[in-house]
Amino acid sequence: MAAAVEAYVRMLRLQEMGRDFVKSEIISELVEGPLKGRTRASVQYRFQNISAVINETGRVFVRGFVPAEHVGEPSRKLIRRLLADRGVEV
């Protein structure tokens, strides 16, 4: 989860600066690297979970990663902690 949150925060910061990025390239980096063995769909769903947690705070989430409808409490707590560790208020 940490690698997904790290990548998500990178995309969020680029978005906030108005800079372009290619989501599919970032997903590819993850499935070929730290999340090897995961599918592209599972990485995308992780991003949707992160969007859901960020959306709960009223912050803008990364475009294209619609917040997941159901995020389990253990995942929600982990995502909050990982975001906070990276300087994202949640």
PDB file of N, CA and C in Angstrom:
ATOM      1  N   MET A   1       0.821  -1.199   0.000  1.00  0.00           N
ATOM      2  CA  MET A   1       0.000   0.000   0.000  1.00  0.00           C
ATOM      3  C   MET A   1       0.863   1.261   0.000  1.00  0.00           C
ATOM      4  N   ALA A   2       2.012   1.205   0.659  1.00  0.00           N
ATOM      5  CA  ALA A   2       2.869   2.391   0.754  1.00  0.00           C
ATOM      6  C   ALA A   2       3.298   2.890  -0.624  1.00  0.00           C
ATOM      7  N   ALA A   3       3.651   1.983  -1.515  1.00  0.00           N
ATOM      8  CA  ALA A   3       4.078   2.390  -2.856  1.00  0.00           C
ATOM      9  C   ALA A   3       2.930   3.048  -3.611  1.00  0.00           C
ATOM     10  N   ALA A   4       1.719   2.530  -3.439  1.00  0.00           N
ATOM     11  CA  ALA A   4       0.551   3.113  -4.108  1.00  0.00           C
ATOM     12  C   ALA A   4       0.272   4.509  -3.567  1.00  0.00           C
ATOM     13  N   VAL A   5       0.359   4.679  -2.257  1.00  0.00           N
ATOM     14  CA  VAL A   5       0.124   5.997  -1.660  1.00  0.00           C
ATOM     15  C   VAL A   5       1.195   6.972  -2.116  1.00  0.00           C
ATOM     16  N   GLU A   6       2.432   6.528  -2.160  1.00  0.00           N
ATOM     17  CA  GLU A   6       3.530   7.390  -2.623  1.00  0.00           C
ATOM     18  C   GLU A   6       3.271   7.879  -4.049  1.00  0.00           C
ATOM     19  N   ALA A   7       2.885   6.963  -4.926  1.00  0.00           N
ATOM     20  CA  ALA A   7       2.597   7.327  -6.322  1.00  0.00           C
ATOM     21  C   ALA A   7       1.385   8.245  -6.399  1.00  0.00           C
ATOM     22  N   TYR A   8       0.368   7.969  -5.604  1.00  0.00           N
ATOM     23  CA  TYR A   8      -0.842   8.796  -5.602  1.00  0.00           C
ATOM     24  C   TYR A   8      -0.514  10.220  -5.164  1.00  0.00           C
ATOM     25  N   VAL A   9       0.267  10.355  -4.102  1.00  0.00           N
ATOM     26  CA  VAL A   9       0.647  11.685  -3.613  1.00  0.00           C
ATOM     27  C   VAL A   9       1.441  12.427  -4.684  1.00  0.00           C
ATOM     28  N   ARG A  10       2.297  11.721  -5.386  1.00  0.00           N
ATOM     29  CA  ARG A  10       3.053  12.350  -6.480  1.00  0.00           C
ATOM     30  C   ARG A  10       2.097  12.884  -7.537  1.00  0.00           C
ATOM     31  N   MET A  11       1.097  12.068  -7.928  1.00  0.00           N
ATOM     32  CA  MET A  11       0.107  12.526  -8.919  1.00  0.00           C
ATOM     33  C   MET A  11      -0.706  13.695  -8.378  1.00  0.00           C
ATOM     34  N   LEU A  12      -1.090  13.626  -7.116  1.00  0.00           N
ATOM     35  CA  LEU A  12      -1.882  14.693  -6.506  1.00  0.00           C
ATOM     36  C   LEU A  12      -1.120  16.008  -6.527  1.00  0.00           C
ATOM     37  N   ARG A  13       0.143  15.949  -6.193  1.00  0.00           N
ATOM     38  CA  ARG A  13       0.967  17.174  -6.182  1.00  0.00           C
ATOM     39  C   ARG A  13       1.161  17.722  -7.592  1.00  0.00           C
ATOM     40  N   LEU A  14       1.370  16.836  -8.557  1.00  0.00           N
ATOM     41  CA  LEU A  14       1.484  17.295  -9.944  1.00  0.00           C
ATOM     42  C   LEU A  14       0.181  17.949 -10.396  1.00  0.00           C
ATOM     43  N   GLN A  15      -0.932  17.335 -10.056  1.00  0.00           N
ATOM     44  CA  GLN A  15      -2.240  17.884 -10.413  1.00  0.00           C
ATOM     45  C   GLN A  15      -2.436  19.264  -9.785  1.00  0.00           C
ATOM     46  N   GLU A  16      -2.081  19.390  -8.520  1.00  0.00           N
ATOM     47  CA  GLU A  16      -2.218  20.675  -7.825  1.00  0.00           C
ATOM     48  C   GLU A  16      -1.360  21.764  -8.458  1.00  0.00           C
ATOM     49  N   MET A  17      -0.224  21.374  -9.043  1.00  0.00           N
ATOM     50  CA  MET A  17       0.660  22.338  -9.711  1.00  0.00           C
ATOM     51  C   MET A  17       0.242  22.587 -11.156  1.00  0.00           C
ATOM     52  N   GLY A  18      -0.777  21.875 -11.619  1.00  0.00           N
ATOM     53  CA  GLY A  18      -1.236  22.036 -12.987  1.00  0.00           C
ATOM     54  C   GLY A  18      -0.336  21.353 -14.000  1.00  0.00           C
ATOM     55  N   ARG A  19       0.451  20.387 -13.537  1.00  0.00           N
ATOM     56  CA  ARG A  19       1.368  19.676 -14.431  1.00  0.00           C
ATOM     57  C   ARG A  19       0.737  18.374 -14.889  1.00  0.00           C
ATOM     58  N   ASP A  20       1.043  18.012 -16.116  1.00  0.00           N
ATOM     59  CA  ASP A  20       0.491  16.793 -16.701  1.00  0.00           C
ATOM     60  C   ASP A  20       1.248  15.558 -16.228  1.00  0.00           C
ATOM     61  N   PHE A  21       0.547  14.450 -16.204  1.00  0.00           N
ATOM     62  CA  PHE A  21       1.134  13.149 -15.926  1.00  0.00           C
ATOM     63  C   PHE A  21       0.248  12.112 -16.595  1.00  0.00           C
ATOM     64  N   VAL A  22       0.804  10.932 -16.802  1.00  0.00           N
ATOM     65  CA  VAL A  22       0.062   9.864 -17.462  1.00  0.00           C
ATOM     66  C   VAL A  22      -0.188   8.768 -16.433  1.00  0.00           C
ATOM     67  N   LYS A  23      -1.446   8.633 -16.044  1.00  0.00           N
ATOM     68  CA  LYS A  23      -1.809   7.665 -14.999  1.00  0.00           C
ATOM     69  C   LYS A  23      -1.396   6.246 -15.372  1.00  0.00           C
ATOM     70  N   SER A  24      -1.598   5.876 -16.629  1.00  0.00           N
ATOM     71  CA  SER A  24      -1.275   4.504 -17.036  1.00  0.00           C
ATOM     72  C   SER A  24       0.223   4.222 -16.912  1.00  0.00           C
ATOM     73  N   GLU A  25       1.063   5.222 -17.125  1.00  0.00           N
ATOM     74  CA  GLU A  25       2.510   5.036 -16.965  1.00  0.00           C
ATOM     75  C   GLU A  25       2.869   4.815 -15.501  1.00  0.00           C
ATOM     76  N   ILE A  26       2.209   5.538 -14.624  1.00  0.00           N
ATOM     77  CA  ILE A  26       2.481   5.392 -13.193  1.00  0.00           C
ATOM     78  C   ILE A  26       2.024   4.020 -12.718  1.00  0.00           C
ATOM     79  N   ILE A  27       0.875   3.568 -13.201  1.00  0.00           N
ATOM     80  CA  ILE A  27       0.400   2.231 -12.855  1.00  0.00           C
ATOM     81  C   ILE A  27       1.387   1.184 -13.368  1.00  0.00           C
ATOM     82  N   SER A  28       1.881   1.369 -14.588  1.00  0.00           N
ATOM     83  CA  SER A  28       2.863   0.429 -15.147  1.00  0.00           C
ATOM     84  C   SER A  28       4.124   0.369 -14.298  1.00  0.00           C
ATOM     85  N   GLU A  29       4.603   1.529 -13.850  1.00  0.00           N
ATOM     86  CA  GLU A  29       5.786   1.563 -12.980  1.00  0.00           C
ATOM     87  C   GLU A  29       5.561   0.721 -11.728  1.00  0.00           C
ATOM     88  N   LEU A  30       4.365   0.805 -11.181  1.00  0.00           N
ATOM     89  CA  LEU A  30       4.065   0.070  -9.951  1.00  0.00           C
ATOM     90  C   LEU A  30       3.977  -1.436 -10.187  1.00  0.00           C
ATOM     91  N   VAL A  31       3.257  -1.854 -11.251  1.00  0.00           N
ATOM     92  CA  VAL A  31       3.087  -3.295 -11.477  1.00  0.00           C
ATOM     93  C   VAL A  31       4.371  -3.949 -11.986  1.00  0.00           C
ATOM     94  N   GLU A  32       5.287  -3.154 -12.507  1.00  0.00           N
ATOM     95  CA  GLU A  32       6.566  -3.691 -12.944  1.00  0.00           C
ATOM     96  C   GLU A  32       7.632  -3.569 -11.852  1.00  0.00           C
ATOM     97  N   GLY A  33       7.297  -2.832 -10.781  1.00  0.00           N
ATOM     98  CA  GLY A  33       8.258  -2.606  -9.703  1.00  0.00           C
ATOM     99  C   GLY A  33       7.729  -3.055  -8.360  1.00  0.00           C
ATOM    100  N   PRO A  34       7.474  -2.092  -7.466  1.00  0.00           N
ATOM    101  CA  PRO A  34       7.131  -2.448  -6.083  1.00  0.00           C
ATOM    102  C   PRO A  34       5.840  -3.244  -5.909  1.00  0.00           C
ATOM    103  N   LEU A  35       4.928  -3.174  -6.860  1.00  0.00           N
ATOM    104  CA  LEU A  35       3.687  -3.940  -6.757  1.00  0.00           C
ATOM    105  C   LEU A  35       3.640  -5.072  -7.779  1.00  0.00           C
ATOM    106  N   LYS A  36       4.816  -5.580  -8.108  1.00  0.00           N
ATOM    107  CA  LYS A  36       4.911  -6.693  -9.047  1.00  0.00           C
ATOM    108  C   LYS A  36       4.043  -7.847  -8.547  1.00  0.00           C
ATOM    109  N   GLY A  37       3.306  -8.433  -9.450  1.00  0.00           N
ATOM    110  CA  GLY A  37       2.391  -9.501  -9.072  1.00  0.00           C
ATOM    111  C   GLY A  37       0.959  -9.015  -8.935  1.00  0.00           C
ATOM    112  N   ARG A  38       0.781  -7.706  -8.798  1.00  0.00           N
ATOM    113  CA  ARG A  38      -0.556  -7.122  -8.760  1.00  0.00           C
ATOM    114  C   ARG A  38      -1.005  -6.810 -10.177  1.00  0.00           C
ATOM    115  N   THR A  39      -2.300  -6.823 -10.379  1.00  0.00           N
ATOM    116  CA  THR A  39      -2.826  -6.451 -11.695  1.00  0.00           C
ATOM    117  C   THR A  39      -2.983  -4.931 -11.776  1.00  0.00           C
ATOM    118  N   ARG A  40      -3.086  -4.449 -12.992  1.00  0.00           N
ATOM    119  CA  ARG A  40      -3.336  -3.028 -13.197  1.00  0.00           C
ATOM    120  C   ARG A  40      -4.647  -2.631 -12.518  1.00  0.00           C
ATOM    121  N   ALA A  41      -5.642  -3.512 -12.621  1.00  0.00           N
ATOM    122  CA  ALA A  41      -6.948  -3.227 -12.024  1.00  0.00           C
ATOM    123  C   ALA A  41      -6.849  -3.114 -10.501  1.00  0.00           C
ATOM    124  N   SER A  42      -6.029  -3.955  -9.879  1.00  0.00           N
ATOM    125  CA  SER A  42      -5.907  -3.883  -8.416  1.00  0.00           C
ATOM    126  C   SER A  42      -5.208  -2.591  -7.992  1.00  0.00           C
ATOM    127  N   VAL A  43      -4.242  -2.150  -8.778  1.00  0.00           N
ATOM    128  CA  VAL A  43      -3.562  -0.891  -8.472  1.00  0.00           C
ATOM    129  C   VAL A  43      -4.539   0.271  -8.644  1.00  0.00           C
ATOM    130  N   GLN A  44      -5.308   0.222  -9.708  1.00  0.00           N
ATOM    131  CA  GLN A  44      -6.302   1.281  -9.928  1.00  0.00           C
ATOM    132  C   GLN A  44      -7.304   1.302  -8.767  1.00  0.00           C
ATOM    133  N   TYR A  45      -7.724   0.133  -8.294  1.00  0.00           N
ATOM    134  CA  TYR A  45      -8.666   0.092  -7.182  1.00  0.00           C
ATOM    135  C   TYR A  45      -8.033   0.649  -5.910  1.00  0.00           C
ATOM    136  N   ARG A  46      -6.753   0.398  -5.701  1.00  0.00           N
ATOM    137  CA  ARG A  46      -6.064   1.001  -4.548  1.00  0.00           C
ATOM    138  C   ARG A  46      -6.122   2.516  -4.647  1.00  0.00           C
ATOM    139  N   PHE A  47      -5.892   3.032  -5.855  1.00  0.00           N
ATOM    140  CA  PHE A  47      -5.969   4.481  -6.051  1.00  0.00           C
ATOM    141  C   PHE A  47      -7.380   4.991  -5.759  1.00  0.00           C
ATOM    142  N   GLN A  48      -8.397   4.216  -6.118  1.00  0.00           N
ATOM    143  CA  GLN A  48      -9.770   4.620  -5.834  1.00  0.00           C
ATOM    144  C   GLN A  48     -10.029   4.616  -4.323  1.00  0.00           C
ATOM    145  N   ASN A  49      -9.450   3.676  -3.597  1.00  0.00           N
ATOM    146  CA  ASN A  49      -9.552   3.674  -2.143  1.00  0.00           C
ATOM    147  C   ASN A  49      -8.895   4.925  -1.559  1.00  0.00           C
ATOM    148  N   ILE A  50      -7.737   5.283  -2.079  1.00  0.00           N
ATOM    149  CA  ILE A  50      -7.044   6.483  -1.608  1.00  0.00           C
ATOM    150  C   ILE A  50      -7.891   7.710  -1.918  1.00  0.00           C
ATOM    151  N   SER A  51      -8.473   7.766  -3.112  1.00  0.00           N
ATOM    152  CA  SER A  51      -9.358   8.878  -3.469  1.00  0.00           C
ATOM    153  C   SER A  51     -10.520   8.985  -2.490  1.00  0.00           C
ATOM    154  N   ALA A  52     -11.073   7.852  -2.089  1.00  0.00           N
ATOM    155  CA  ALA A  52     -12.207   7.855  -1.159  1.00  0.00           C
ATOM    156  C   ALA A  52     -11.806   8.490   0.174  1.00  0.00           C
ATOM    157  N   VAL A  53     -10.644   8.124   0.683  1.00  0.00           N
ATOM    158  CA  VAL A  53     -10.182   8.672   1.963  1.00  0.00           C
ATOM    159  C   VAL A  53      -9.931  10.169   1.831  1.00  0.00           C
ATOM    160  N   ILE A  54      -9.313  10.582   0.749  1.00  0.00           N
ATOM    161  CA  ILE A  54      -9.053  12.004   0.533  1.00  0.00           C
ATOM    162  C   ILE A  54     -10.365  12.764   0.353  1.00  0.00           C
ATOM    163  N   ASN A  55     -11.295  12.189  -0.382  1.00  0.00           N
ATOM    164  CA  ASN A  55     -12.583  12.828  -0.623  1.00  0.00           C
ATOM    165  C   ASN A  55     -13.352  13.047   0.683  1.00  0.00           C
ATOM    166  N   GLU A  56     -13.199  12.139   1.634  1.00  0.00           N
ATOM    167  CA  GLU A  56     -13.878  12.280   2.925  1.00  0.00           C
ATOM    168  C   GLU A  56     -13.457  13.546   3.665  1.00  0.00           C
ATOM    169  N   THR A  57     -12.273  14.035   3.365  1.00  0.00           N
ATOM    170  CA  THR A  57     -11.765  15.238   4.034  1.00  0.00           C
ATOM    171  C   THR A  57     -12.174  16.506   3.300  1.00  0.00           C
ATOM    172  N   GLY A  58     -12.829  16.353   2.155  1.00  0.00           N
ATOM    173  CA  GLY A  58     -13.236  17.513   1.375  1.00  0.00           C
ATOM    174  C   GLY A  58     -12.167  17.990   0.407  1.00  0.00           C
ATOM    175  N   ARG A  59     -11.048  17.295   0.382  1.00  0.00           N
ATOM    176  CA  ARG A  59      -9.968  17.656  -0.548  1.00  0.00           C
ATOM    177  C   ARG A  59     -10.275  17.132  -1.941  1.00  0.00           C
ATOM    178  N   VAL A  60      -9.631  17.709  -2.898  1.00  0.00           N
ATOM    179  CA  VAL A  60      -9.750  17.252  -4.280  1.00  0.00           C
ATOM    180  C   VAL A  60      -8.876  16.021  -4.448  1.00  0.00           C
ATOM    181  N   PHE A  61      -9.437  14.999  -5.089  1.00  0.00           N
ATOM    182  CA  PHE A  61      -8.686  13.769  -5.338  1.00  0.00           C
ATOM    183  C   PHE A  61      -8.151  13.786  -6.761  1.00  0.00           C
ATOM    184  N   VAL A  62      -7.300  12.833  -7.097  1.00  0.00           N
ATOM    185  CA  VAL A  62      -6.698  12.764  -8.425  1.00  0.00           C
ATOM    186  C   VAL A  62      -7.795  12.457  -9.452  1.00  0.00           C
ATOM    187  N   ARG A  63      -7.883  13.320 -10.453  1.00  0.00           N
ATOM    188  CA  ARG A  63      -8.863  13.123 -11.528  1.00  0.00           C
ATOM    189  C   ARG A  63      -8.673  11.750 -12.155  1.00  0.00           C
ATOM    190  N   GLY A  64      -9.781  11.091 -12.414  1.00  0.00           N
ATOM    191  CA  GLY A  64      -9.715   9.795 -13.069  1.00  0.00           C
ATOM    192  C   GLY A  64      -9.734   8.616 -12.118  1.00  0.00           C
ATOM    193  N   PHE A  65      -9.557   8.889 -10.834  1.00  0.00           N
ATOM    194  CA  PHE A  65      -9.633   7.825  -9.835  1.00  0.00           C
ATOM    195  C   PHE A  65     -10.822   8.122  -8.923  1.00  0.00           C
ATOM    196  N   VAL A  66     -11.996   7.762  -9.411  1.00  0.00           N
ATOM    197  CA  VAL A  66     -13.240   8.013  -8.695  1.00  0.00           C
ATOM    198  C   VAL A  66     -13.198   7.284  -7.353  1.00  0.00           C
ATOM    199  N   PRO A  67     -13.590   7.961  -6.283  1.00  0.00           N
ATOM    200  CA  PRO A  67     -13.545   7.318  -4.961  1.00  0.00           C
ATOM    201  C   PRO A  67     -14.331   6.004  -4.923  1.00  0.00           C
ATOM    202  N   ALA A  68     -13.715   4.997  -4.330  1.00  0.00           N
ATOM    203  CA  ALA A  68     -14.379   3.707  -4.144  1.00  0.00           C
ATOM    204  C   ALA A  68     -15.550   3.908  -3.188  1.00  0.00           C
ATOM    205  N   GLU A  69     -16.588   3.121  -3.376  1.00  0.00           N
ATOM    206  CA  GLU A  69     -17.767   3.258  -2.527  1.00  0.00           C
ATOM    207  C   GLU A  69     -17.558   2.649  -1.148  1.00  0.00           C
ATOM    208  N   HIS A  70     -16.803   1.576  -1.079  1.00  0.00           N
ATOM    209  CA  HIS A  70     -16.615   0.887   0.195  1.00  0.00           C
ATOM    210  C   HIS A  70     -15.132   0.680   0.464  1.00  0.00           C
ATOM    211  N   VAL A  71     -14.659   1.305   1.529  1.00  0.00           N
ATOM    212  CA  VAL A  71     -13.273   1.131   1.952  1.00  0.00           C
ATOM    213  C   VAL A  71     -13.331   0.591   3.378  1.00  0.00           C
ATOM    214  N   GLY A  72     -12.743  -0.558   3.596  1.00  0.00           N
ATOM    215  CA  GLY A  72     -12.743  -1.144   4.936  1.00  0.00           C
ATOM    216  C   GLY A  72     -12.004  -0.264   5.925  1.00  0.00           C
ATOM    217  N   GLU A  73     -12.417  -0.319   7.166  1.00  0.00           N
ATOM    218  CA  GLU A  73     -11.808   0.525   8.191  1.00  0.00           C
ATOM    219  C   GLU A  73     -10.310   0.270   8.358  1.00  0.00           C
ATOM    220  N   PRO A  74      -9.844  -0.984   8.325  1.00  0.00           N
ATOM    221  CA  PRO A  74      -8.382  -1.182   8.424  1.00  0.00           C
ATOM    222  C   PRO A  74      -7.632  -0.500   7.267  1.00  0.00           C
ATOM    223  N   SER A  75      -8.168  -0.603   6.054  1.00  0.00           N
ATOM    224  CA  SER A  75      -7.532   0.052   4.901  1.00  0.00           C
ATOM    225  C   SER A  75      -7.597   1.562   5.042  1.00  0.00           C
ATOM    226  N   ARG A  76      -8.741   2.071   5.490  1.00  0.00           N
ATOM    227  CA  ARG A  76      -8.909   3.518   5.676  1.00  0.00           C
ATOM    228  C   ARG A  76      -7.868   4.049   6.664  1.00  0.00           C
ATOM    229  N   LYS A  77      -7.685   3.361   7.786  1.00  0.00           N
ATOM    230  CA  LYS A  77      -6.710   3.800   8.789  1.00  0.00           C
ATOM    231  C   LYS A  77      -5.293   3.768   8.238  1.00  0.00           C
ATOM    232  N   LEU A  78      -4.960   2.708   7.503  1.00  0.00           N
ATOM    233  CA  LEU A  78      -3.624   2.601   6.915  1.00  0.00           C
ATOM    234  C   LEU A  78      -3.385   3.721   5.906  1.00  0.00           C
ATOM    235  N   ILE A  79      -4.359   3.970   5.057  1.00  0.00           N
ATOM    236  CA  ILE A  79      -4.215   5.028   4.053  1.00  0.00           C
ATOM    237  C   ILE A  79      -4.042   6.381   4.731  1.00  0.00           C
ATOM    238  N   ARG A  80      -4.835   6.660   5.749  1.00  0.00           N
ATOM    239  CA  ARG A  80      -4.700   7.940   6.475  1.00  0.00           C
ATOM    240  C   ARG A  80      -3.295   8.100   7.040  1.00  0.00           C
ATOM    241  N   ARG A  81      -2.789   7.030   7.660  1.00  0.00           N
ATOM    242  CA  ARG A  81      -1.450   7.105   8.256  1.00  0.00           C
ATOM    243  C   ARG A  81      -0.388   7.332   7.186  1.00  0.00           C
ATOM    244  N   LEU A  82      -0.494   6.584   6.086  1.00  0.00           N
ATOM    245  CA  LEU A  82       0.500   6.715   5.009  1.00  0.00           C
ATOM    246  C   LEU A  82       0.435   8.102   4.366  1.00  0.00           C
ATOM    247  N   LEU A  83      -0.770   8.641   4.202  1.00  0.00           N
ATOM    248  CA  LEU A  83      -0.898   9.997   3.655  1.00  0.00           C
ATOM    249  C   LEU A  83      -0.288  11.015   4.612  1.00  0.00           C
ATOM    250  N   ALA A  84      -0.603  10.887   5.888  1.00  0.00           N
ATOM    251  CA  ALA A  84      -0.054  11.817   6.875  1.00  0.00           C
ATOM    252  C   ALA A  84       1.470  11.762   6.906  1.00  0.00           C
ATOM    253  N   ASP A  85       2.028  10.557   6.777  1.00  0.00           N
ATOM    254  CA  ASP A  85       3.478  10.397   6.742  1.00  0.00           C
ATOM    255  C   ASP A  85       4.102  11.131   5.569  1.00  0.00           C
ATOM    256  N   ARG A  86       3.302  11.371   4.545  1.00  0.00           N
ATOM    257  CA  ARG A  86       3.788  12.054   3.345  1.00  0.00           C
ATOM    258  C   ARG A  86       3.340  13.506   3.278  1.00  0.00           C
ATOM    259  N   GLY A  87       2.849  14.028   4.396  1.00  0.00           N
ATOM    260  CA  GLY A  87       2.497  15.436   4.475  1.00  0.00           C
ATOM    261  C   GLY A  87       1.144  15.818   3.913  1.00  0.00           C
ATOM    262  N   VAL A  88       0.278  14.837   3.709  1.00  0.00           N
ATOM    263  CA  VAL A  88      -1.067  15.123   3.205  1.00  0.00           C
ATOM    264  C   VAL A  88      -2.010  15.094   4.395  1.00  0.00           C
ATOM    265  N   GLU A  89      -2.656  16.217   4.664  1.00  0.00           N
ATOM    266  CA  GLU A  89      -3.589  16.282   5.788  1.00  0.00           C
ATOM    267  C   GLU A  89      -4.850  15.499   5.490  1.00  0.00           C
ATOM    268  N   VAL A  90      -5.206  14.616   6.395  1.00  0.00           N
ATOM    269  CA  VAL A  90      -6.438  13.837   6.255  1.00  0.00           C
ATOM    270  C   VAL A  90      -7.139  13.744   7.588  1.00  0.00           C
TER     271      VAL A  90
END
